[in-house]
Amino acid sequence: MMDYSSQEPGERRGVHAHTLSEPHFRDFLSVVEDVDVMLEVKDKEVSALKAVKIAKEMGSSTRMPLQGSLH
């Protein structure tokens, strides 16, 4: 399991971005293989759906558990 987050622009270091940075996530996926990812973002389900779409476009297998962490 690997946590994924982007820095929120203009905020103090360590503040997670509100939403998934699509270019950064594409870069991330291009260098990892077969890893479970936990998104650290504030808009949870919106970013999770973006992440699945990007992963599928890039040919990654996706398993998106819709558990309590998205609610």
PDB file of N, CA and C in Angstrom:
ATOM      1  N   MET A   1       0.845  -1.171   0.000  1.00  0.00           N
ATOM      2  CA  MET A   1       0.000   0.000   0.000  1.00  0.00           C
ATOM      3  C   MET A   1       0.890   1.234   0.000  1.00  0.00           C
ATOM      4  N   MET A   2       0.530   2.175  -0.839  1.00  0.00           N
ATOM      5  CA  MET A   2       1.287   3.419  -0.929  1.00  0.00           C
ATOM      6  C   MET A   2       0.306   4.587  -0.891  1.00  0.00           C
ATOM      7  N   ASP A   3       0.589   5.564  -0.043  1.00  0.00           N
ATOM      8  CA  ASP A   3      -0.212   6.785  -0.016  1.00  0.00           C
ATOM      9  C   ASP A   3       0.246   7.705  -1.135  1.00  0.00           C
ATOM     10  N   TYR A   4      -0.709   8.359  -1.773  1.00  0.00           N
ATOM     11  CA  TYR A   4      -0.379   9.316  -2.834  1.00  0.00           C
ATOM     12  C   TYR A   4      -1.031  10.643  -2.494  1.00  0.00           C
ATOM     13  N   SER A   5      -0.255  11.705  -2.548  1.00  0.00           N
ATOM     14  CA  SER A   5      -0.805  13.048  -2.344  1.00  0.00           C
ATOM     15  C   SER A   5       0.024  14.058  -3.121  1.00  0.00           C
ATOM     16  N   SER A   6      -0.595  15.186  -3.352  1.00  0.00           N
ATOM     17  CA  SER A   6       0.096  16.332  -3.941  1.00  0.00           C
ATOM     18  C   SER A   6       0.002  17.480  -2.950  1.00  0.00           C
ATOM     19  N   GLN A   7       0.955  18.358  -3.012  1.00  0.00           N
ATOM     20  CA  GLN A   7       0.964  19.536  -2.162  1.00  0.00           C
ATOM     21  C   GLN A   7      -0.099  20.523  -2.628  1.00  0.00           C
ATOM     22  N   GLU A   8      -0.869  21.080  -1.703  1.00  0.00           N
ATOM     23  CA  GLU A   8      -1.830  22.132  -2.033  1.00  0.00           C
ATOM     24  C   GLU A   8      -1.043  23.421  -2.300  1.00  0.00           C
ATOM     25  N   PRO A   9      -1.160  23.970  -3.513  1.00  0.00           N
ATOM     26  CA  PRO A   9      -0.429  25.198  -3.842  1.00  0.00           C
ATOM     27  C   PRO A   9      -0.794  26.347  -2.891  1.00  0.00           C
ATOM     28  N   GLY A  10       0.209  27.067  -2.459  1.00  0.00           N
ATOM     29  CA  GLY A  10      -0.002  28.238  -1.608  1.00  0.00           C
ATOM     30  C   GLY A  10      -0.215  27.932  -0.142  1.00  0.00           C
ATOM     31  N   GLU A  11      -0.214  26.654   0.236  1.00  0.00           N
ATOM     32  CA  GLU A  11      -0.414  26.281   1.645  1.00  0.00           C
ATOM     33  C   GLU A  11       0.920  25.857   2.251  1.00  0.00           C
ATOM     34  N   ARG A  12       0.929  25.733   3.570  1.00  0.00           N
ATOM     35  CA  ARG A  12       2.159  25.299   4.249  1.00  0.00           C
ATOM     36  C   ARG A  12       2.522  23.895   3.779  1.00  0.00           C
ATOM     37  N   ARG A  13       3.773  23.563   3.885  1.00  0.00           N
ATOM     38  CA  ARG A  13       4.270  22.257   3.454  1.00  0.00           C
ATOM     39  C   ARG A  13       3.516  21.130   4.172  1.00  0.00           C
ATOM     40  N   GLY A  14       3.119  20.128   3.400  1.00  0.00           N
ATOM     41  CA  GLY A  14       2.443  18.976   3.971  1.00  0.00           C
ATOM     42  C   GLY A  14       0.927  19.004   3.863  1.00  0.00           C
ATOM     43  N   VAL A  15       0.361  20.132   3.424  1.00  0.00           N
ATOM     44  CA  VAL A  15      -1.092  20.203   3.260  1.00  0.00           C
ATOM     45  C   VAL A  15      -1.469  19.514   1.953  1.00  0.00           C
ATOM     46  N   HIS A  16      -2.318  18.494   2.070  1.00  0.00           N
ATOM     47  CA  HIS A  16      -2.734  17.740   0.883  1.00  0.00           C
ATOM     48  C   HIS A  16      -3.618  18.586  -0.023  1.00  0.00           C
ATOM     49  N   ALA A  17      -3.473  18.349  -1.304  1.00  0.00           N
ATOM     50  CA  ALA A  17      -4.265  19.065  -2.298  1.00  0.00           C
ATOM     51  C   ALA A  17      -5.747  18.731  -2.136  1.00  0.00           C
ATOM     52  N   HIS A  18      -6.581  19.659  -2.538  1.00  0.00           N
ATOM     53  CA  HIS A  18      -8.023  19.446  -2.481  1.00  0.00           C
ATOM     54  C   HIS A  18      -8.453  18.352  -3.459  1.00  0.00           C
ATOM     55  N   THR A  19      -7.823  18.330  -4.618  1.00  0.00           N
ATOM     56  CA  THR A  19      -8.200  17.374  -5.654  1.00  0.00           C
ATOM     57  C   THR A  19      -6.956  16.761  -6.292  1.00  0.00           C
ATOM     58  N   LEU A  20      -7.143  15.684  -7.000  1.00  0.00           N
ATOM     59  CA  LEU A  20      -6.051  14.985  -7.663  1.00  0.00           C
ATOM     60  C   LEU A  20      -5.415  15.852  -8.746  1.00  0.00           C
ATOM     61  N   SER A  21      -4.106  15.943  -8.727  1.00  0.00           N
ATOM     62  CA  SER A  21      -3.374  16.611  -9.800  1.00  0.00           C
ATOM     63  C   SER A  21      -3.162  15.575 -10.908  1.00  0.00           C
ATOM     64  N   GLU A  22      -3.941  15.701 -11.967  1.00  0.00           N
ATOM     65  CA  GLU A  22      -3.891  14.689 -13.024  1.00  0.00           C
ATOM     66  C   GLU A  22      -2.502  14.530 -13.650  1.00  0.00           C
ATOM     67  N   PRO A  23      -1.800  15.615 -13.988  1.00  0.00           N
ATOM     68  CA  PRO A  23      -0.446  15.431 -14.560  1.00  0.00           C
ATOM     69  C   PRO A  23       0.511  14.732 -13.587  1.00  0.00           C
ATOM     70  N   HIS A  24       0.457  15.103 -12.304  1.00  0.00           N
ATOM     71  CA  HIS A  24       1.337  14.474 -11.321  1.00  0.00           C
ATOM     72  C   HIS A  24       0.979  13.006 -11.131  1.00  0.00           C
ATOM     73  N   PHE A  25      -0.322  12.696 -11.126  1.00  0.00           N
ATOM     74  CA  PHE A  25      -0.736  11.306 -10.953  1.00  0.00           C
ATOM     75  C   PHE A  25      -0.310  10.458 -12.147  1.00  0.00           C
ATOM     76  N   ARG A  26      -0.401  11.011 -13.346  1.00  0.00           N
ATOM     77  CA  ARG A  26       0.074  10.287 -14.539  1.00  0.00           C
ATOM     78  C   ARG A  26       1.573  10.007 -14.420  1.00  0.00           C
ATOM     79  N   ASP A  27       2.334  11.005 -13.987  1.00  0.00           N
ATOM     80  CA  ASP A  27       3.781  10.808 -13.793  1.00  0.00           C
ATOM     81  C   ASP A  27       4.042   9.703 -12.766  1.00  0.00           C
ATOM     82  N   PHE A  28       3.300   9.738 -11.677  1.00  0.00           N
ATOM     83  CA  PHE A  28       3.431   8.731 -10.623  1.00  0.00           C
ATOM     84  C   PHE A  28       3.171   7.333 -11.179  1.00  0.00           C
ATOM     85  N   LEU A  29       2.064   7.169 -11.896  1.00  0.00           N
ATOM     86  CA  LEU A  29       1.729   5.854 -12.443  1.00  0.00           C
ATOM     87  C   LEU A  29       2.745   5.359 -13.462  1.00  0.00           C
ATOM     88  N   SER A  30       3.423   6.283 -14.111  1.00  0.00           N
ATOM     89  CA  SER A  30       4.396   5.874 -15.126  1.00  0.00           C
ATOM     90  C   SER A  30       5.655   5.248 -14.514  1.00  0.00           C
ATOM     91  N   VAL A  31       5.854   5.411 -13.202  1.00  0.00           N
ATOM     92  CA  VAL A  31       7.069   4.880 -12.575  1.00  0.00           C
ATOM     93  C   VAL A  31       6.813   3.795 -11.538  1.00  0.00           C
ATOM     94  N   VAL A  32       5.543   3.474 -11.266  1.00  0.00           N
ATOM     95  CA  VAL A  32       5.258   2.402 -10.302  1.00  0.00           C
ATOM     96  C   VAL A  32       4.628   1.216 -11.024  1.00  0.00           C
ATOM     97  N   GLU A  33       4.769   0.051 -10.416  1.00  0.00           N
ATOM     98  CA  GLU A  33       4.165  -1.157 -10.970  1.00  0.00           C
ATOM     99  C   GLU A  33       3.413  -1.884  -9.873  1.00  0.00           C
ATOM    100  N   ASP A  34       2.226  -2.357 -10.204  1.00  0.00           N
ATOM    101  CA  ASP A  34       1.441  -3.231  -9.336  1.00  0.00           C
ATOM    102  C   ASP A  34       1.468  -2.793  -7.877  1.00  0.00           C
ATOM    103  N   VAL A  35       0.899  -1.640  -7.621  1.00  0.00           N
ATOM    104  CA  VAL A  35       0.881  -1.109  -6.259  1.00  0.00           C
ATOM    105  C   VAL A  35      -0.540  -0.685  -5.909  1.00  0.00           C
ATOM    106  N   ASP A  36      -0.930  -0.928  -4.669  1.00  0.00           N
ATOM    107  CA  ASP A  36      -2.203  -0.422  -4.167  1.00  0.00           C
ATOM    108  C   ASP A  36      -1.968   1.009  -3.707  1.00  0.00           C
ATOM    109  N   VAL A  37      -2.869   1.905  -4.103  1.00  0.00           N
ATOM    110  CA  VAL A  37      -2.686   3.328  -3.815  1.00  0.00           C
ATOM    111  C   VAL A  37      -3.841   3.847  -2.982  1.00  0.00           C
ATOM    112  N   MET A  38      -3.503   4.585  -1.934  1.00  0.00           N
ATOM    113  CA  MET A  38      -4.503   5.298  -1.152  1.00  0.00           C
ATOM    114  C   MET A  38      -4.329   6.784  -1.462  1.00  0.00           C
ATOM    115  N   LEU A  39      -5.384   7.387  -1.992  1.00  0.00           N
ATOM    116  CA  LEU A  39      -5.320   8.803  -2.324  1.00  0.00           C
ATOM    117  C   LEU A  39      -5.524   9.648  -1.072  1.00  0.00           C
ATOM    118  N   GLU A  40      -4.652  10.609  -0.887  1.00  0.00           N
ATOM    119  CA  GLU A  40      -4.759  11.563   0.221  1.00  0.00           C
ATOM    120  C   GLU A  40      -5.199  12.897  -0.369  1.00  0.00           C
ATOM    121  N   VAL A  41      -6.498  13.041  -0.558  1.00  0.00           N
ATOM    122  CA  VAL A  41      -7.089  14.254  -1.125  1.00  0.00           C
ATOM    123  C   VAL A  41      -8.358  14.572  -0.359  1.00  0.00           C
ATOM    124  N   LYS A  42      -8.829  15.791  -0.505  1.00  0.00           N
ATOM    125  CA  LYS A  42      -9.994  16.208   0.262  1.00  0.00           C
ATOM    126  C   LYS A  42     -11.315  15.915  -0.437  1.00  0.00           C
ATOM    127  N   ASP A  43     -11.331  15.831  -1.759  1.00  0.00           N
ATOM    128  CA  ASP A  43     -12.589  15.597  -2.463  1.00  0.00           C
ATOM    129  C   ASP A  43     -12.820  14.107  -2.764  1.00  0.00           C
ATOM    130  N   LYS A  44     -12.248  13.261  -2.006  1.00  0.00           N
ATOM    131  CA  LYS A  44     -12.276  11.803  -2.026  1.00  0.00           C
ATOM    132  C   LYS A  44     -12.826  11.128  -3.282  1.00  0.00           C
ATOM    133  N   GLU A  45     -14.137  10.971  -3.392  1.00  0.00           N
ATOM    134  CA  GLU A  45     -14.702  10.174  -4.480  1.00  0.00           C
ATOM    135  C   GLU A  45     -14.454  10.796  -5.851  1.00  0.00           C
ATOM    136  N   VAL A  46     -14.505  12.111  -5.944  1.00  0.00           N
ATOM    137  CA  VAL A  46     -14.246  12.780  -7.226  1.00  0.00           C
ATOM    138  C   VAL A  46     -12.848  12.430  -7.719  1.00  0.00           C
ATOM    139  N   SER A  47     -11.864  12.533  -6.837  1.00  0.00           N
ATOM    140  CA  SER A  47     -10.493  12.210  -7.218  1.00  0.00           C
ATOM    141  C   SER A  47     -10.297  10.721  -7.445  1.00  0.00           C
ATOM    142  N   ALA A  48     -10.979   9.883  -6.668  1.00  0.00           N
ATOM    143  CA  ALA A  48     -10.861   8.441  -6.863  1.00  0.00           C
ATOM    144  C   ALA A  48     -11.352   8.055  -8.253  1.00  0.00           C
ATOM    145  N   LEU A  49     -12.446   8.630  -8.694  1.00  0.00           N
ATOM    146  CA  LEU A  49     -12.967   8.332 -10.025  1.00  0.00           C
ATOM    147  C   LEU A  49     -12.026   8.844 -11.114  1.00  0.00           C
ATOM    148  N   LYS A  50     -11.425  10.023 -10.895  1.00  0.00           N
ATOM    149  CA  LYS A  50     -10.419  10.530 -11.843  1.00  0.00           C
ATOM    150  C   LYS A  50      -9.228   9.575 -11.915  1.00  0.00           C
ATOM    151  N   ALA A  51      -8.786   9.099 -10.743  1.00  0.00           N
ATOM    152  CA  ALA A  51      -7.620   8.210 -10.683  1.00  0.00           C
ATOM    153  C   ALA A  51      -7.888   6.906 -11.429  1.00  0.00           C
ATOM    154  N   VAL A  52      -9.070   6.344 -11.260  1.00  0.00           N
ATOM    155  CA  VAL A  52      -9.419   5.110 -11.959  1.00  0.00           C
ATOM    156  C   VAL A  52      -9.432   5.346 -13.463  1.00  0.00           C
ATOM    157  N   LYS A  53     -10.010   6.454 -13.894  1.00  0.00           N
ATOM    158  CA  LYS A  53     -10.064   6.778 -15.326  1.00  0.00           C
ATOM    159  C   LYS A  53      -8.654   6.901 -15.908  1.00  0.00           C
ATOM    160  N   ILE A  54      -7.784   7.610 -15.219  1.00  0.00           N
ATOM    161  CA  ILE A  54      -6.401   7.797 -15.671  1.00  0.00           C
ATOM    162  C   ILE A  54      -5.679   6.453 -15.731  1.00  0.00           C
ATOM    163  N   ALA A  55      -5.833   5.651 -14.684  1.00  0.00           N
ATOM    164  CA  ALA A  55      -5.166   4.346 -14.643  1.00  0.00           C
ATOM    165  C   ALA A  55      -5.619   3.471 -15.803  1.00  0.00           C
ATOM    166  N   LYS A  56      -6.911   3.462 -16.080  1.00  0.00           N
ATOM    167  CA  LYS A  56      -7.416   2.660 -17.199  1.00  0.00           C
ATOM    168  C   LYS A  56      -6.870   3.172 -18.523  1.00  0.00           C
ATOM    169  N   GLU A  57      -6.834   4.492 -18.690  1.00  0.00           N
ATOM    170  CA  GLU A  57      -6.286   5.075 -19.919  1.00  0.00           C
ATOM    171  C   GLU A  57      -4.832   4.672 -20.123  1.00  0.00           C
ATOM    172  N   MET A  58      -4.103   4.537 -19.019  1.00  0.00           N
ATOM    173  CA  MET A  58      -2.679   4.202 -19.091  1.00  0.00           C
ATOM    174  C   MET A  58      -2.448   2.691 -19.098  1.00  0.00           C
ATOM    175  N   GLY A  59      -3.519   1.920 -19.090  1.00  0.00           N
ATOM    176  CA  GLY A  59      -3.383   0.471 -19.179  1.00  0.00           C
ATOM    177  C   GLY A  59      -3.131  -0.229 -17.868  1.00  0.00           C
ATOM    178  N   SER A  60      -3.322   0.463 -16.747  1.00  0.00           N
ATOM    179  CA  SER A  60      -3.149  -0.173 -15.438  1.00  0.00           C
ATOM    180  C   SER A  60      -4.410  -0.922 -15.066  1.00  0.00           C
ATOM    181  N   SER A  61      -4.235  -2.011 -14.335  1.00  0.00           N
ATOM    182  CA  SER A  61      -5.423  -2.682 -13.803  1.00  0.00           C
ATOM    183  C   SER A  61      -5.900  -1.868 -12.611  1.00  0.00           C
ATOM    184  N   THR A  62      -7.198  -1.831 -12.426  1.00  0.00           N
ATOM    185  CA  THR A  62      -7.739  -1.054 -11.314  1.00  0.00           C
ATOM    186  C   THR A  62      -8.714  -1.891 -10.517  1.00  0.00           C
ATOM    187  N   ARG A  63      -8.600  -1.751  -9.224  1.00  0.00           N
ATOM    188  CA  ARG A  63      -9.557  -2.327  -8.299  1.00  0.00           C
ATOM    189  C   ARG A  63      -9.921  -1.200  -7.354  1.00  0.00           C
ATOM    190  N   MET A  64     -11.102  -0.672  -7.483  1.00  0.00           N
ATOM    191  CA  MET A  64     -11.485   0.477  -6.672  1.00  0.00           C
ATOM    192  C   MET A  64     -12.490   0.045  -5.612  1.00  0.00           C
ATOM    193  N   PRO A  65     -12.016  -0.206  -4.399  1.00  0.00           N
ATOM    194  CA  PRO A  65     -12.948  -0.579  -3.347  1.00  0.00           C
ATOM    195  C   PRO A  65     -13.739   0.644  -2.897  1.00  0.00           C
ATOM    196  N   LEU A  66     -15.021   0.541  -2.934  1.00  0.00           N
ATOM    197  CA  LEU A  66     -15.868   1.643  -2.473  1.00  0.00           C
ATOM    198  C   LEU A  66     -16.258   1.348  -1.032  1.00  0.00           C
ATOM    199  N   GLN A  67     -15.349   1.656  -0.127  1.00  0.00           N
ATOM    200  CA  GLN A  67     -15.555   1.379   1.282  1.00  0.00           C
ATOM    201  C   GLN A  67     -15.803   2.662   2.037  1.00  0.00           C
ATOM    202  N   GLY A  68     -15.955   2.553   3.321  1.00  0.00           N
ATOM    203  CA  GLY A  68     -16.250   3.686   4.182  1.00  0.00           C
ATOM    204  C   GLY A  68     -15.277   4.834   4.069  1.00  0.00           C
ATOM    205  N   SER A  69     -14.067   4.594   3.568  1.00  0.00           N
ATOM    206  CA  SER A  69     -13.090   5.669   3.461  1.00  0.00           C
ATOM    207  C   SER A  69     -13.490   6.723   2.433  1.00  0.00           C
ATOM    208  N   LEU A  70     -14.445   6.397   1.571  1.00  0.00           N
ATOM    209  CA  LEU A  70     -14.884   7.366   0.560  1.00  0.00           C
ATOM    210  C   LEU A  70     -16.101   8.153   1.009  1.00  0.00           C
ATOM    211  N   HIS A  71     -16.690   7.820   2.130  1.00  0.00           N
ATOM    212  CA  HIS A  71     -17.924   8.472   2.553  1.00  0.00           C
ATOM    213  C   HIS A  71     -17.678   9.535   3.590  1.00  0.00           C
TER     214      HIS A  71
END
